[in-house]
Amino acid sequence: MNDPLSRTFLALADPTRRAILAQIAEGALSVNDIVAANHLSQPGISKHLKVLEEAGLIRRERVAKTRPVHLEPEGLKRAGAWIDHYRKYWEGAFDRMDALIARLNEEAAKNGRQ
């Protein structure tokens, strides 16, 4: 899957990966901290981190013997921009529906008074 947006949504589809993102949103954590917080094995967490990293949602670095994991906000911005486009569409559709309902109610009230 070469499409960055598809990789982002694939990564976000998993609740464990969303939990990891929420945890590191507060600040960088070591892999061991993430393992402890999620009650999974180190290999299991490493697989999740690989998916998040490939999606551009996290960045790992090497500092001495630790590997802190950082949030990469650009990956989330891509997903947010895509969602925002459709949010604007639906808000417009709901506004048009509200206007139609108001017009139909006015016509019904007018016809009821005659």
N, C-alpha and C. Protein backbone atom coordinates (compact mmCIF):
# COMPACT_ATOMS: atom_id res chain seq x y z
N MET A 1 0.86 -1.17 0.00
CA MET A 1 0.00 0.00 0.00
C MET A 1 0.91 1.24 0.00
N ASN A 2 0.96 1.92 -1.13
CA ASN A 2 1.86 3.06 -1.27
C ASN A 2 1.20 4.39 -0.95
N ASP A 3 -0.10 4.42 -0.89
CA ASP A 3 -0.84 5.65 -0.64
C ASP A 3 -0.70 6.06 0.83
N PRO A 4 -0.09 7.22 1.13
CA PRO A 4 0.10 7.62 2.53
C PRO A 4 -1.20 7.73 3.31
N LEU A 5 -2.26 8.22 2.68
CA LEU A 5 -3.53 8.37 3.40
C LEU A 5 -4.11 7.00 3.77
N SER A 6 -3.99 6.03 2.87
CA SER A 6 -4.47 4.68 3.18
C SER A 6 -3.67 4.07 4.32
N ARG A 7 -2.37 4.27 4.32
CA ARG A 7 -1.53 3.75 5.42
C ARG A 7 -1.92 4.41 6.73
N THR A 8 -2.24 5.71 6.68
CA THR A 8 -2.64 6.42 7.89
C THR A 8 -3.93 5.84 8.46
N PHE A 9 -4.94 5.67 7.61
CA PHE A 9 -6.21 5.14 8.10
C PHE A 9 -6.10 3.69 8.52
N LEU A 10 -5.25 2.91 7.85
CA LEU A 10 -5.01 1.54 8.28
C LEU A 10 -4.41 1.53 9.68
N ALA A 11 -3.45 2.41 9.91
CA ALA A 11 -2.82 2.48 11.24
C ALA A 11 -3.82 2.93 12.30
N LEU A 12 -4.66 3.89 11.96
CA LEU A 12 -5.64 4.42 12.92
C LEU A 12 -6.80 3.47 13.18
N ALA A 13 -6.96 2.46 12.34
CA ALA A 13 -8.08 1.53 12.50
C ALA A 13 -7.94 0.64 13.73
N ASP A 14 -6.73 0.51 14.24
CA ASP A 14 -6.50 -0.39 15.36
C ASP A 14 -6.54 0.37 16.69
N PRO A 15 -7.33 -0.09 17.67
CA PRO A 15 -7.44 0.61 18.94
C PRO A 15 -6.14 0.68 19.74
N THR A 16 -5.30 -0.34 19.63
CA THR A 16 -4.02 -0.30 20.34
C THR A 16 -3.14 0.80 19.77
N ARG A 17 -3.12 0.93 18.45
CA ARG A 17 -2.30 1.98 17.84
C ARG A 17 -2.84 3.37 18.18
N ARG A 18 -4.17 3.50 18.25
CA ARG A 18 -4.73 4.79 18.66
C ARG A 18 -4.36 5.10 20.11
N ALA A 19 -4.35 4.08 20.95
CA ALA A 19 -3.95 4.26 22.35
C ALA A 19 -2.49 4.70 22.44
N ILE A 20 -1.64 4.09 21.64
CA ILE A 20 -0.23 4.48 21.63
C ILE A 20 -0.08 5.94 21.22
N LEU A 21 -0.80 6.35 20.19
CA LEU A 21 -0.73 7.76 19.76
C LEU A 21 -1.19 8.69 20.87
N ALA A 22 -2.24 8.32 21.57
CA ALA A 22 -2.73 9.16 22.68
C ALA A 22 -1.68 9.24 23.79
N GLN A 23 -1.01 8.15 24.04
CA GLN A 23 0.01 8.14 25.09
C GLN A 23 1.20 9.02 24.73
N ILE A 24 1.66 8.95 23.49
CA ILE A 24 2.84 9.75 23.13
C ILE A 24 2.48 11.19 22.77
N ALA A 25 1.19 11.48 22.65
CA ALA A 25 0.79 12.87 22.41
C ALA A 25 1.16 13.73 23.62
N GLU A 26 1.26 13.12 24.78
CA GLU A 26 1.64 13.84 26.00
C GLU A 26 3.14 14.09 26.06
N GLY A 27 3.89 13.37 25.24
CA GLY A 27 5.35 13.49 25.22
C GLY A 27 5.96 12.17 24.83
N ALA A 28 7.19 12.22 24.37
CA ALA A 28 7.88 11.01 23.91
C ALA A 28 7.97 9.98 25.02
N LEU A 29 7.84 8.72 24.64
CA LEU A 29 7.96 7.60 25.57
C LEU A 29 8.93 6.59 25.00
N SER A 30 9.54 5.84 25.87
CA SER A 30 10.41 4.74 25.42
C SER A 30 9.51 3.57 25.02
N VAL A 31 10.07 2.67 24.25
CA VAL A 31 9.33 1.47 23.87
C VAL A 31 8.92 0.68 25.11
N ASN A 32 9.80 0.60 26.10
CA ASN A 32 9.45 -0.11 27.34
C ASN A 32 8.27 0.53 28.06
N ASP A 33 8.21 1.87 28.06
CA ASP A 33 7.06 2.55 28.67
C ASP A 33 5.77 2.21 27.93
N ILE A 34 5.85 2.15 26.62
CA ILE A 34 4.67 1.82 25.81
C ILE A 34 4.25 0.37 26.06
N VAL A 35 5.21 -0.52 26.16
CA VAL A 35 4.91 -1.94 26.47
C VAL A 35 4.18 -2.02 27.80
N ALA A 36 4.70 -1.35 28.82
CA ALA A 36 4.09 -1.41 30.14
C ALA A 36 2.68 -0.82 30.15
N ALA A 37 2.48 0.26 29.42
CA ALA A 37 1.18 0.93 29.42
C ALA A 37 0.11 0.14 28.67
N ASN A 38 0.51 -0.73 27.77
CA ASN A 38 -0.46 -1.44 26.94
C ASN A 38 -0.58 -2.92 27.25
N HIS A 39 0.20 -3.42 28.19
CA HIS A 39 0.13 -4.81 28.62
C HIS A 39 0.26 -5.79 27.46
N LEU A 40 1.16 -5.45 26.53
CA LEU A 40 1.46 -6.34 25.41
C LEU A 40 2.94 -6.67 25.44
N SER A 41 3.32 -7.66 24.67
CA SER A 41 4.73 -8.03 24.61
C SER A 41 5.51 -6.98 23.82
N GLN A 42 6.81 -6.97 24.01
CA GLN A 42 7.66 -6.03 23.27
C GLN A 42 7.58 -6.30 21.77
N PRO A 43 7.60 -7.55 21.32
CA PRO A 43 7.45 -7.79 19.88
C PRO A 43 6.09 -7.31 19.34
N GLY A 44 5.04 -7.49 20.14
CA GLY A 44 3.71 -7.03 19.72
C GLY A 44 3.67 -5.52 19.57
N ILE A 45 4.23 -4.81 20.54
CA ILE A 45 4.28 -3.35 20.46
C ILE A 45 5.16 -2.91 19.29
N SER A 46 6.26 -3.60 19.07
CA SER A 46 7.14 -3.25 17.96
C SER A 46 6.42 -3.34 16.62
N LYS A 47 5.56 -4.34 16.46
CA LYS A 47 4.77 -4.45 15.22
C LYS A 47 3.84 -3.26 15.07
N HIS A 48 3.18 -2.87 16.15
CA HIS A 48 2.30 -1.70 16.09
C HIS A 48 3.10 -0.44 15.77
N LEU A 49 4.26 -0.29 16.39
CA LEU A 49 5.09 0.89 16.14
C LEU A 49 5.57 0.94 14.70
N LYS A 50 5.86 -0.21 14.12
CA LYS A 50 6.29 -0.25 12.72
C LYS A 50 5.18 0.26 11.81
N VAL A 51 3.94 -0.17 12.06
CA VAL A 51 2.80 0.29 11.25
C VAL A 51 2.63 1.80 11.41
N LEU A 52 2.72 2.29 12.64
CA LEU A 52 2.57 3.73 12.89
C LEU A 52 3.69 4.52 12.22
N GLU A 53 4.89 3.98 12.26
CA GLU A 53 6.03 4.66 11.65
C GLU A 53 5.90 4.68 10.13
N GLU A 54 5.50 3.57 9.54
CA GLU A 54 5.31 3.51 8.09
C GLU A 54 4.20 4.44 7.61
N ALA A 55 3.24 4.70 8.49
CA ALA A 55 2.15 5.62 8.16
C ALA A 55 2.55 7.07 8.38
N GLY A 56 3.73 7.30 8.93
CA GLY A 56 4.19 8.67 9.16
C GLY A 56 3.55 9.31 10.38
N LEU A 57 3.04 8.48 11.30
CA LEU A 57 2.37 9.01 12.49
C LEU A 57 3.31 9.13 13.69
N ILE A 58 4.41 8.39 13.67
CA ILE A 58 5.39 8.47 14.75
C ILE A 58 6.78 8.53 14.15
N ARG A 59 7.72 8.89 15.02
CA ARG A 59 9.14 8.87 14.66
C ARG A 59 9.89 8.27 15.84
N ARG A 60 10.81 7.37 15.53
CA ARG A 60 11.63 6.77 16.58
C ARG A 60 13.06 7.27 16.40
N GLU A 61 13.71 7.48 17.52
CA GLU A 61 15.12 7.86 17.45
C GLU A 61 15.91 7.02 18.43
N ARG A 62 17.19 7.07 18.33
CA ARG A 62 18.05 6.31 19.23
C ARG A 62 18.80 7.32 20.09
N VAL A 63 18.59 7.23 21.40
CA VAL A 63 19.29 8.07 22.37
C VAL A 63 19.93 7.13 23.38
N ALA A 64 21.25 7.00 23.28
CA ALA A 64 21.99 6.05 24.11
C ALA A 64 21.37 4.66 23.93
N LYS A 65 20.86 4.08 25.01
CA LYS A 65 20.28 2.74 24.91
C LYS A 65 18.76 2.76 24.77
N THR A 66 18.16 3.93 24.75
CA THR A 66 16.71 4.02 24.64
C THR A 66 16.32 4.39 23.22
N ARG A 67 15.07 4.11 22.91
CA ARG A 67 14.51 4.46 21.60
C ARG A 67 13.21 5.22 21.83
N PRO A 68 13.32 6.53 22.14
CA PRO A 68 12.09 7.28 22.36
C PRO A 68 11.21 7.34 21.10
N VAL A 69 9.92 7.31 21.33
CA VAL A 69 8.94 7.35 20.26
C VAL A 69 8.22 8.71 20.35
N HIS A 70 8.19 9.44 19.25
CA HIS A 70 7.59 10.77 19.20
C HIS A 70 6.40 10.77 18.24
N LEU A 71 5.44 11.61 18.53
CA LEU A 71 4.31 11.81 17.63
C LEU A 71 4.76 12.65 16.44
N GLU A 72 4.31 12.29 15.25
CA GLU A 72 4.57 13.08 14.04
C GLU A 72 3.23 13.68 13.60
N PRO A 73 3.00 14.94 13.92
CA PRO A 73 1.68 15.53 13.65
C PRO A 73 1.32 15.65 12.17
N GLU A 74 2.30 15.67 11.28
CA GLU A 74 1.98 15.80 9.86
C GLU A 74 1.10 14.66 9.34
N GLY A 75 1.34 13.45 9.83
CA GLY A 75 0.53 12.32 9.41
C GLY A 75 -0.92 12.48 9.81
N LEU A 76 -1.14 12.99 11.00
CA LEU A 76 -2.52 13.23 11.45
C LEU A 76 -3.14 14.40 10.70
N LYS A 77 -2.33 15.38 10.33
CA LYS A 77 -2.86 16.52 9.56
C LYS A 77 -3.41 16.06 8.22
N ARG A 78 -2.71 15.11 7.57
CA ARG A 78 -3.19 14.57 6.29
C ARG A 78 -4.58 13.98 6.45
N ALA A 79 -4.73 13.14 7.48
CA ALA A 79 -6.03 12.50 7.72
C ALA A 79 -7.09 13.54 8.07
N GLY A 80 -6.70 14.50 8.91
CA GLY A 80 -7.64 15.55 9.31
C GLY A 80 -8.10 16.38 8.13
N ALA A 81 -7.20 16.69 7.20
CA ALA A 81 -7.57 17.48 6.02
C ALA A 81 -8.56 16.71 5.15
N TRP A 82 -8.34 15.41 5.01
CA TRP A 82 -9.25 14.60 4.20
C TRP A 82 -10.63 14.55 4.84
N ILE A 83 -10.66 14.33 6.14
CA ILE A 83 -11.93 14.28 6.87
C ILE A 83 -12.62 15.64 6.83
N ASP A 84 -11.85 16.72 6.98
CA ASP A 84 -12.42 18.06 6.99
C ASP A 84 -13.13 18.39 5.67
N HIS A 85 -12.57 17.92 4.57
CA HIS A 85 -13.21 18.14 3.26
C HIS A 85 -14.63 17.57 3.26
N TYR A 86 -14.78 16.37 3.77
CA TYR A 86 -16.10 15.74 3.78
C TYR A 86 -17.00 16.29 4.88
N ARG A 87 -16.40 16.75 5.96
CA ARG A 87 -17.20 17.39 7.01
C ARG A 87 -17.87 18.63 6.45
N LYS A 88 -17.15 19.42 5.67
CA LYS A 88 -17.72 20.63 5.06
C LYS A 88 -18.85 20.27 4.10
N TYR A 89 -18.66 19.18 3.35
CA TYR A 89 -19.72 18.74 2.44
C TYR A 89 -20.99 18.40 3.22
N TRP A 90 -20.85 17.60 4.29
CA TRP A 90 -22.03 17.18 5.05
C TRP A 90 -22.67 18.34 5.78
N GLU A 91 -21.88 19.26 6.29
CA GLU A 91 -22.46 20.43 6.94
C GLU A 91 -23.30 21.23 5.94
N GLY A 92 -22.79 21.37 4.71
CA GLY A 92 -23.55 22.07 3.67
C GLY A 92 -24.83 21.34 3.35
N ALA A 93 -24.76 20.01 3.26
CA ALA A 93 -25.95 19.21 2.97
C ALA A 93 -26.98 19.35 4.09
N PHE A 94 -26.53 19.35 5.33
CA PHE A 94 -27.45 19.50 6.47
C PHE A 94 -28.06 20.90 6.48
N ASP A 95 -27.28 21.92 6.14
CA ASP A 95 -27.82 23.28 6.06
C ASP A 95 -28.90 23.37 5.00
N ARG A 96 -28.66 22.74 3.83
CA ARG A 96 -29.67 22.75 2.76
C ARG A 96 -30.93 21.99 3.20
N MET A 97 -30.74 20.88 3.94
CA MET A 97 -31.89 20.12 4.42
C MET A 97 -32.67 20.94 5.45
N ASP A 98 -31.98 21.63 6.34
CA ASP A 98 -32.66 22.48 7.33
C ASP A 98 -33.48 23.56 6.63
N ALA A 99 -32.91 24.17 5.58
CA ALA A 99 -33.63 25.22 4.85
C ALA A 99 -34.86 24.65 4.16
N LEU A 100 -34.75 23.45 3.58
CA LEU A 100 -35.90 22.81 2.93
C LEU A 100 -36.99 22.50 3.95
N ILE A 101 -36.62 21.96 5.09
CA ILE A 101 -37.61 21.64 6.13
C ILE A 101 -38.30 22.91 6.61
N ALA A 102 -37.55 23.98 6.80
CA ALA A 102 -38.14 25.24 7.24
C ALA A 102 -39.13 25.75 6.19
N ARG A 103 -38.73 25.67 4.91
CA ARG A 103 -39.63 26.14 3.84
C ARG A 103 -40.89 25.28 3.79
N LEU A 104 -40.76 23.95 3.92
CA LEU A 104 -41.93 23.07 3.89
C LEU A 104 -42.84 23.33 5.09
N ASN A 105 -42.25 23.60 6.25
CA ASN A 105 -43.06 23.91 7.43
C ASN A 105 -43.81 25.22 7.24
N GLU A 106 -43.16 26.21 6.64
CA GLU A 106 -43.83 27.50 6.38
C GLU A 106 -44.99 27.31 5.40
N GLU A 107 -44.77 26.51 4.34
CA GLU A 107 -45.83 26.26 3.37
C GLU A 107 -46.99 25.49 4.01
N ALA A 108 -46.66 24.53 4.87
CA ALA A 108 -47.70 23.75 5.54
C ALA A 108 -48.50 24.64 6.47
N ALA A 109 -47.84 25.52 7.18
CA ALA A 109 -48.53 26.44 8.09
C ALA A 109 -49.40 27.39 7.31
N LYS A 110 -48.90 27.88 6.19
CA LYS A 110 -49.66 28.81 5.34
C LYS A 110 -50.90 28.12 4.77
N ASN A 111 -50.74 26.87 4.32
CA ASN A 111 -51.86 26.11 3.75
C ASN A 111 -52.87 25.72 4.83
N GLY A 112 -52.42 25.56 6.03
CA GLY A 112 -53.32 25.21 7.13
C GLY A 112 -54.18 26.37 7.56
N ARG A 113 -53.70 27.60 7.32
CA ARG A 113 -54.46 28.80 7.71
C ARG A 113 -55.50 29.19 6.69
N GLN A 114 -55.43 28.66 5.49
CA GLN A 114 -56.36 29.08 4.45
C GLN A 114 -57.69 28.42 4.58
